PDB file of N, CA and C in Angstrom:
ATOM      1  N   MET A   1       1.190  25.186   7.167  1.00  0.00           N
ATOM      2  CA  MET A   1       0.692  24.798   8.260  1.00  0.00           C
ATOM      3  C   MET A   1      -1.017  25.202   8.339  1.00  0.00           C
ATOM      4  N   LEU A   2      -2.202  24.400   8.352  1.00  0.00           N
ATOM      5  CA  LEU A   2      -3.430  24.852   8.811  1.00  0.00           C
ATOM      6  C   LEU A   2      -3.129  25.562   9.839  1.00  0.00           C
ATOM      7  N   GLY A   3      -4.111  27.013   9.978  1.00  0.00           N
ATOM      8  CA  GLY A   3      -4.322  27.079  11.082  1.00  0.00           C
ATOM      9  C   GLY A   3      -5.387  27.244  11.666  1.00  0.00           C
ATOM     10  N   GLU A   4      -5.738  27.546  12.921  1.00  0.00           N
ATOM     11  CA  GLU A   4      -6.686  26.945  13.582  1.00  0.00           C
ATOM     12  C   GLU A   4      -7.584  28.104  15.081  1.00  0.00           C
ATOM     13  N   HIS A   5      -8.993  28.484  14.386  1.00  0.00           N
ATOM     14  CA  HIS A   5      -9.600  29.475  15.204  1.00  0.00           C
ATOM     15  C   HIS A   5      -9.505  28.818  16.763  1.00  0.00           C
ATOM     16  N   HIS A   6      -9.660  30.046  17.809  1.00  0.00           N
ATOM     17  CA  HIS A   6      -9.412  29.772  19.183  1.00  0.00           C
ATOM     18  C   HIS A   6     -10.117  30.818  19.766  1.00  0.00           C
ATOM     19  N   HIS A   7     -11.479  30.360  19.199  1.00  0.00           N
ATOM     20  CA  HIS A   7     -12.911  31.296  20.113  1.00  0.00           C
ATOM     21  C   HIS A   7     -12.534  30.814  21.104  1.00  0.00           C
ATOM     22  N   LEU A   8     -13.167  31.705  22.258  1.00  0.00           N
ATOM     23  CA  LEU A   8     -13.329  31.429  24.136  1.00  0.00           C
ATOM     24  C   LEU A   8     -14.272  30.392  24.022  1.00  0.00           C
ATOM     25  N   ALA A   9     -15.319  30.671  23.393  1.00  0.00           N
ATOM     26  CA  ALA A   9     -16.437  29.550  23.687  1.00  0.00           C
ATOM     27  C   ALA A   9     -16.181  28.321  22.940  1.00  0.00           C
ATOM     28  N   THR A  10     -14.918  28.172  22.063  1.00  0.00           N
ATOM     29  CA  THR A  10     -14.575  26.871  21.993  1.00  0.00           C
ATOM     30  C   THR A  10     -13.912  26.243  22.703  1.00  0.00           C
ATOM     31  N   GLU A  11     -12.917  27.523  23.307  1.00  0.00           N
ATOM     32  CA  GLU A  11     -11.944  26.872  23.941  1.00  0.00           C
ATOM     33  C   GLU A  11     -12.395  26.733  25.856  1.00  0.00           C
ATOM     34  N   PHE A  12     -13.578  26.905  25.828  1.00  0.00           N
ATOM     35  CA  PHE A  12     -13.934  26.746  27.227  1.00  0.00           C
ATOM     36  C   PHE A  12     -15.913  26.902  27.091  1.00  0.00           C
ATOM     37  N   PRO A  13     -16.235  25.718  26.861  1.00  0.00           N
ATOM     38  CA  PRO A  13     -17.713  25.026  26.469  1.00  0.00           C
ATOM     39  C   PRO A  13     -18.430  25.662  27.684  1.00  0.00           C
ATOM     40  N   GLU A  14     -17.537  25.138  28.467  1.00  0.00           N
ATOM     41  CA  GLU A  14     -18.114  25.023  30.384  1.00  0.00           C
ATOM     42  C   GLU A  14     -18.291  26.865  30.618  1.00  0.00           C
ATOM     43  N   TYR A  15     -17.984  27.815  30.334  1.00  0.00           N
ATOM     44  CA  TYR A  15     -18.081  29.232  30.267  1.00  0.00           C
ATOM     45  C   TYR A  15     -19.119  29.730  29.518  1.00  0.00           C
ATOM     46  N   LYS A  16     -19.613  29.014  28.336  1.00  0.00           N
ATOM     47  CA  LYS A  16     -20.674  29.718  27.063  1.00  0.00           C
ATOM     48  C   LYS A  16     -21.358  30.737  27.315  1.00  0.00           C
ATOM     49  N   GLU A  17     -22.295  30.198  28.886  1.00  0.00           N
ATOM     50  CA  GLU A  17     -23.193  31.245  29.089  1.00  0.00           C
ATOM     51  C   GLU A  17     -22.391  32.853  29.780  1.00  0.00           C
ATOM     52  N   GLN A  18     -21.657  32.295  30.697  1.00  0.00           N
ATOM     53  CA  GLN A  18     -20.866  33.734  31.200  1.00  0.00           C
ATOM     54  C   GLN A  18     -20.110  34.362  30.231  1.00  0.00           C
ATOM     55  N   ILE A  19     -19.665  33.970  29.160  1.00  0.00           N
ATOM     56  CA  ILE A  19     -19.238  34.691  28.035  1.00  0.00           C
ATOM     57  C   ILE A  19     -20.124  35.542  27.287  1.00  0.00           C
ATOM     58  N   HIS A  20     -21.043  35.318  26.748  1.00  0.00           N
ATOM     59  CA  HIS A  20     -22.457  35.688  26.103  1.00  0.00           C
ATOM     60  C   HIS A  20     -22.875  36.775  27.158  1.00  0.00           C
ATOM     61  N   LYS A  21     -22.966  36.707  28.756  1.00  0.00           N
ATOM     62  CA  LYS A  21     -23.160  37.983  29.218  1.00  0.00           C
ATOM     63  C   LYS A  21     -22.570  38.634  29.526  1.00  0.00           C
ATOM     64  N   LEU A  22     -21.314  38.092  30.037  1.00  0.00           N
ATOM     65  CA  LEU A  22     -20.237  39.428  30.107  1.00  0.00           C
ATOM     66  C   LEU A  22     -20.075  40.502  28.577  1.00  0.00           C
ATOM     67  N   LYS A  23     -19.959  39.953  27.730  1.00  0.00           N
ATOM     68  CA  LYS A  23     -19.866  40.300  26.162  1.00  0.00           C
ATOM     69  C   LYS A  23     -20.998  41.518  26.516  1.00  0.00           C
ATOM     70  N   ALA A  24     -22.390  41.024  27.325  1.00  0.00           N
ATOM     71  CA  ALA A  24     -23.072  42.183  26.696  1.00  0.00           C
ATOM     72  C   ALA A  24     -23.618  43.149  28.021  1.00  0.00           C
ATOM     73  N   ASP A  25     -22.758  42.569  29.081  1.00  0.00           N
ATOM     74  CA  ASP A  25     -22.847  43.611  30.381  1.00  0.00           C
ATOM     75  C   ASP A  25     -21.718  44.261  30.975  1.00  0.00           C
ATOM     76  N   ASP A  26     -20.518  43.681  30.169  1.00  0.00           N
ATOM     77  CA  ASP A  26     -19.439  44.998  30.892  1.00  0.00           C
ATOM     78  C   ASP A  26     -18.835  45.080  29.624  1.00  0.00           C
ATOM     79  N   ALA A  27     -18.286  46.436  29.514  1.00  0.00           N
ATOM     80  CA  ALA A  27     -17.461  47.054  28.592  1.00  0.00           C
ATOM     81  C   ALA A  27     -15.960  46.763  28.853  1.00  0.00           C
ATOM     82  N   HIS A  28     -15.708  46.360  30.195  1.00  0.00           N
ATOM     83  CA  HIS A  28     -13.503  45.747  29.637  1.00  0.00           C
ATOM     84  C   HIS A  28     -13.953  44.760  29.491  1.00  0.00           C
ATOM     85  N   PHE A  29     -14.337  43.818  29.400  1.00  0.00           N
ATOM     86  CA  PHE A  29     -15.083  42.682  29.115  1.00  0.00           C
ATOM     87  C   PHE A  29     -14.920  42.113  27.358  1.00  0.00           C
ATOM     88  N   SER A  30     -16.001  43.027  27.232  1.00  0.00           N
ATOM     89  CA  SER A  30     -16.031  43.522  25.691  1.00  0.00           C
ATOM     90  C   SER A  30     -14.933  43.557  24.698  1.00  0.00           C
ATOM     91  N   ARG A  31     -14.455  44.609  25.075  1.00  0.00           N
ATOM     92  CA  ARG A  31     -13.279  45.406  24.691  1.00  0.00           C
ATOM     93  C   ARG A  31     -11.775  44.033  24.444  1.00  0.00           C
ATOM     94  N   LEU A  32     -11.606  43.471  25.514  1.00  0.00           N
ATOM     95  CA  LEU A  32     -10.872  42.514  25.832  1.00  0.00           C
ATOM     96  C   LEU A  32     -10.817  41.245  24.538  1.00  0.00           C
ATOM     97  N   TYR A  33     -12.436  41.392  24.554  1.00  0.00           N
ATOM     98  CA  TYR A  33     -12.709  39.638  23.971  1.00  0.00           C
ATOM     99  C   TYR A  33     -12.643  40.281  22.304  1.00  0.00           C
ATOM    100  N   ASP A  34     -13.066  41.719  21.658  1.00  0.00           N
ATOM    101  CA  ASP A  34     -12.503  41.853  20.588  1.00  0.00           C
ATOM    102  C   ASP A  34     -11.286  42.237  20.169  1.00  0.00           C
ATOM    103  N   GLU A  35     -10.634  42.490  21.047  1.00  0.00           N
ATOM    104  CA  GLU A  35      -9.214  42.488  20.685  1.00  0.00           C
ATOM    105  C   GLU A  35      -8.683  40.529  20.747  1.00  0.00           C
ATOM    106  N   TYR A  36      -9.187  40.394  21.683  1.00  0.00           N
ATOM    107  CA  TYR A  36      -8.476  38.562  21.794  1.00  0.00           C
ATOM    108  C   TYR A  36      -9.053  38.205  19.844  1.00  0.00           C
ATOM    109  N   ASN A  37     -10.547  38.006  19.407  1.00  0.00           N
ATOM    110  CA  ASN A  37     -10.347  37.590  18.583  1.00  0.00           C
ATOM    111  C   ASN A  37      -9.750  38.258  17.147  1.00  0.00           C
ATOM    112  N   ALA A  38      -9.521  39.365  17.114  1.00  0.00           N
ATOM    113  CA  ALA A  38      -8.718  40.405  15.918  1.00  0.00           C
ATOM    114  C   ALA A  38      -7.987  39.679  15.766  1.00  0.00           C
ATOM    115  N   LEU A  39      -6.986  39.579  17.062  1.00  0.00           N
ATOM    116  CA  LEU A  39      -5.554  38.983  17.382  1.00  0.00           C
ATOM    117  C   LEU A  39      -5.644  37.342  16.649  1.00  0.00           C
ATOM    118  N   ASP A  40      -6.461  36.964  16.920  1.00  0.00           N
ATOM    119  CA  ASP A  40      -6.905  34.878  16.811  1.00  0.00           C
ATOM    120  C   ASP A  40      -7.109  35.076  15.484  1.00  0.00           C
ATOM    121  N   ASP A  41      -7.896  36.149  15.179  1.00  0.00           N
ATOM    122  CA  ASP A  41      -8.104  36.471  13.231  1.00  0.00           C
ATOM    123  C   ASP A  41      -6.684  36.641  12.769  1.00  0.00           C
ATOM    124  N   GLU A  42      -5.736  37.562  13.237  1.00  0.00           N
ATOM    125  CA  GLU A  42      -4.681  37.990  12.223  1.00  0.00           C
ATOM    126  C   GLU A  42      -3.437  36.814  12.401  1.00  0.00           C
ATOM    127  N   ILE A  43      -3.783  35.797  13.536  1.00  0.00           N
ATOM    128  CA  ILE A  43      -2.987  34.915  13.847  1.00  0.00           C
ATOM    129  C   ILE A  43      -3.084  34.100  12.761  1.00  0.00           C
ATOM    130  N   TYR A  44      -4.496  33.513  12.460  1.00  0.00           N
ATOM    131  CA  TYR A  44      -5.296  32.629  11.791  1.00  0.00           C
ATOM    132  C   TYR A  44      -4.640  32.779  10.127  1.00  0.00           C
ATOM    133  N   ARG A  45      -4.898  34.167   9.953  1.00  0.00           N
ATOM    134  CA  ARG A  45      -4.194  34.439   8.496  1.00  0.00           C
ATOM    135  C   ARG A  45      -3.189  34.069   8.195  1.00  0.00           C
ATOM    136  N   ILE A  46      -2.512  34.327   8.790  1.00  0.00           N
ATOM    137  CA  ILE A  46      -0.764  34.229   8.860  1.00  0.00           C
ATOM    138  C   ILE A  46      -0.345  32.881   8.829  1.00  0.00           C
ATOM    139  N   GLU A  47      -1.294  32.176   9.746  1.00  0.00           N
ATOM    140  CA  GLU A  47      -0.999  30.787   9.440  1.00  0.00           C
ATOM    141  C   GLU A  47      -1.970  29.667   8.250  1.00  0.00           C
ATOM    142  N   GLU A  48      -2.720  30.436   8.266  1.00  0.00           N
ATOM    143  CA  GLU A  48      -3.123  30.284   6.795  1.00  0.00           C
ATOM    144  C   GLU A  48      -2.243  30.119   5.342  1.00  0.00           C
ATOM    145  N   GLY A  49      -1.204  31.595   5.378  1.00  0.00           N
ATOM    146  CA  GLY A  49      -0.490  31.797   4.588  1.00  0.00           C
ATOM    147  C   GLY A  49      -1.512  33.113   3.081  1.00  0.00           C
ATOM    148  N   ILE A  50      -2.449  33.099   4.359  1.00  0.00           N
ATOM    149  CA  ILE A  50      -3.114  34.694   3.671  1.00  0.00           C
ATOM    150  C   ILE A  50      -2.724  35.985   3.903  1.00  0.00           C
ATOM    151  N   GLU A  51      -1.742  35.851   4.751  1.00  0.00           N
ATOM    152  CA  GLU A  51      -0.600  37.292   4.835  1.00  0.00           C
ATOM    153  C   GLU A  51       0.828  36.448   5.060  1.00  0.00           C
ATOM    154  N   THR A  52       1.879  37.169   4.914  1.00  0.00           N
ATOM    155  CA  THR A  52       3.084  36.782   5.334  1.00  0.00           C
ATOM    156  C   THR A  52       3.706  37.611   6.418  1.00  0.00           C
ATOM    157  N   THR A  53       4.361  37.137   7.169  1.00  0.00           N
ATOM    158  CA  THR A  53       5.224  38.527   8.397  1.00  0.00           C
ATOM    159  C   THR A  53       6.545  37.096   8.733  1.00  0.00           C
ATOM    160  N   ALA A  54       7.132  38.053   9.785  1.00  0.00           N
ATOM    161  CA  ALA A  54       8.088  37.097  10.243  1.00  0.00           C
ATOM    162  C   ALA A  54       8.225  36.075  11.040  1.00  0.00           C
ATOM    163  N   ASP A  55       8.187  35.153  11.598  1.00  0.00           N
ATOM    164  CA  ASP A  55       8.319  34.652  12.723  1.00  0.00           C
ATOM    165  C   ASP A  55       8.200  34.970  14.227  1.00  0.00           C
ATOM    166  N   ASP A  56       9.081  35.791  14.324  1.00  0.00           N
ATOM    167  CA  ASP A  56       8.934  36.436  15.783  1.00  0.00           C
ATOM    168  C   ASP A  56       8.253  37.292  15.769  1.00  0.00           C
ATOM    169  N   TYR A  57       7.333  37.943  15.061  1.00  0.00           N
ATOM    170  CA  TYR A  57       6.156  38.872  14.928  1.00  0.00           C
ATOM    171  C   TYR A  57       4.820  37.851  15.413  1.00  0.00           C
ATOM    172  N   LEU A  58       4.691  36.785  14.422  1.00  0.00           N
ATOM    173  CA  LEU A  58       3.628  35.429  14.701  1.00  0.00           C
ATOM    174  C   LEU A  58       3.752  34.876  16.004  1.00  0.00           C
ATOM    175  N   GLU A  59       5.292  34.704  16.411  1.00  0.00           N
ATOM    176  CA  GLU A  59       5.628  34.554  17.769  1.00  0.00           C
ATOM    177  C   GLU A  59       4.856  35.725  19.295  1.00  0.00           C
ATOM    178  N   THR A  60       5.047  36.968  18.527  1.00  0.00           N
ATOM    179  CA  THR A  60       4.604  38.037  19.527  1.00  0.00           C
ATOM    180  C   THR A  60       3.419  37.901  19.895  1.00  0.00           C
ATOM    181  N   LEU A  61       2.400  37.759  18.673  1.00  0.00           N
ATOM    182  CA  LEU A  61       0.884  37.766  18.465  1.00  0.00           C
ATOM    183  C   LEU A  61       0.491  36.982  19.240  1.00  0.00           C
ATOM    184  N   LYS A  62       1.255  35.816  19.163  1.00  0.00           N
ATOM    185  CA  LYS A  62       0.677  34.562  19.622  1.00  0.00           C
ATOM    186  C   LYS A  62       0.346  34.793  21.643  1.00  0.00           C
ATOM    187  N   LYS A  63       2.026  35.483  21.791  1.00  0.00           N
ATOM    188  CA  LYS A  63       1.933  35.533  23.445  1.00  0.00           C
ATOM    189  C   LYS A  63       1.135  36.386  23.657  1.00  0.00           C
ATOM    190  N   LYS A  64       0.155  37.871  22.699  1.00  0.00           N
ATOM    191  CA  LYS A  64      -0.281  38.527  23.218  1.00  0.00           C
ATOM    192  C   LYS A  64      -1.408  37.869  23.616  1.00  0.00           C
ATOM    193  N   ARG A  65      -1.694  36.956  22.107  1.00  0.00           N
ATOM    194  CA  ARG A  65      -3.272  35.811  22.514  1.00  0.00           C
ATOM    195  C   ARG A  65      -3.423  35.707  23.916  1.00  0.00           C
ATOM    196  N   LEU A  66      -2.439  34.854  23.799  1.00  0.00           N
ATOM    197  CA  LEU A  66      -2.485  34.066  25.338  1.00  0.00           C
ATOM    198  C   LEU A  66      -2.428  34.450  26.917  1.00  0.00           C
ATOM    199  N   ALA A  67      -1.686  36.327  26.466  1.00  0.00           N
ATOM    200  CA  ALA A  67      -2.034  37.193  27.993  1.00  0.00           C
ATOM    201  C   ALA A  67      -3.413  37.037  28.144  1.00  0.00           C
ATOM    202  N   LEU A  68      -3.902  37.969  27.022  1.00  0.00           N
ATOM    203  CA  LEU A  68      -5.464  38.164  26.779  1.00  0.00           C
ATOM    204  C   LEU A  68      -6.168  36.870  27.127  1.00  0.00           C
ATOM    205  N   LYS A  69      -6.294  35.692  26.868  1.00  0.00           N
ATOM    206  CA  LYS A  69      -7.303  34.211  27.462  1.00  0.00           C
ATOM    207  C   LYS A  69      -6.900  34.385  28.527  1.00  0.00           C
ATOM    208  N   ASP A  70      -5.880  35.016  29.062  1.00  0.00           N
ATOM    209  CA  ASP A  70      -5.282  34.369  30.355  1.00  0.00           C
ATOM    210  C   ASP A  70      -6.691  35.506  31.326  1.00  0.00           C
ATOM    211  N   GLU A  71      -6.184  36.503  30.650  1.00  0.00           N
ATOM    212  CA  GLU A  71      -6.806  38.137  31.407  1.00  0.00           C
ATOM    213  C   GLU A  71      -8.337  37.642  31.258  1.00  0.00           C
ATOM    214  N   LEU A  72      -8.996  36.887  30.339  1.00  0.00           N
ATOM    215  CA  LEU A  72     -10.115  37.240  30.108  1.00  0.00           C
ATOM    216  C   LEU A  72     -11.051  35.939  30.727  1.00  0.00           C
ATOM    217  N   LEU A  73      -9.861  34.683  30.642  1.00  0.00           N
ATOM    218  CA  LEU A  73     -10.670  33.889  31.832  1.00  0.00           C
ATOM    219  C   LEU A  73     -10.678  34.042  33.113  1.00  0.00           C
ATOM    220  N   ALA A  74      -9.516  35.176  33.396  1.00  0.00           N
ATOM    221  CA  ALA A  74      -9.907  35.968  34.888  1.00  0.00           C
ATOM    222  C   ALA A  74     -11.191  36.424  35.194  1.00  0.00           C
ATOM    223  N   ILE A  75     -11.218  37.150  34.542  1.00  0.00           N
ATOM    224  CA  ILE A  75     -12.718  37.724  34.569  1.00  0.00           C
ATOM    225  C   ILE A  75     -14.008  36.718  34.081  1.00  0.00           C
ATOM    226  N   ILE A  76     -13.975  35.889  33.619  1.00  0.00           N
ATOM    227  CA  ILE A  76     -15.100  34.811  33.415  1.00  0.00           C
ATOM    228  C   ILE A  76     -15.125  34.137  34.587  1.00  0.00           C
ATOM    229  N   LYS A  77     -14.016  33.700  35.339  1.00  0.00           N
ATOM    230  CA  LYS A  77     -13.813  32.751  36.695  1.00  0.00           C
ATOM    231  C   LYS A  77     -14.636  33.800  37.574  1.00  0.00           C
ATOM    232  N   GLN A  78     -14.489  35.369  37.885  1.00  0.00           N
ATOM    233  CA  GLN A  78     -14.625  35.817  39.180  1.00  0.00           C
ATOM    234  C   GLN A  78     -16.427  36.132  38.828  1.00  0.00           C
ATOM    235  N   ALA A  79     -16.901  35.986  37.455  1.00  0.00           N
ATOM    236  CA  ALA A  79     -18.590  36.234  37.534  1.00  0.00           C
ATOM    237  C   ALA A  79     -19.417  35.641  38.369  1.00  0.00           C
TER     238      ALA A  79
END
């Protein structure tokens, strides 16, 4: 299965400017953003077959990524 990156600016193009501003101005957002991207990269490598892992671990990573995406989107909408 081909993996696909889920970058926030791609997922939410209407918030691209807010994402950029928050990354620069909000340390909490920036930390969560970096964590989200690290998870996304790890999921991508697993889905591409670069790394192998158990299916339940991959599902756990995907759930964490979704929770972070929800948290980041809430911050973006409040900005």
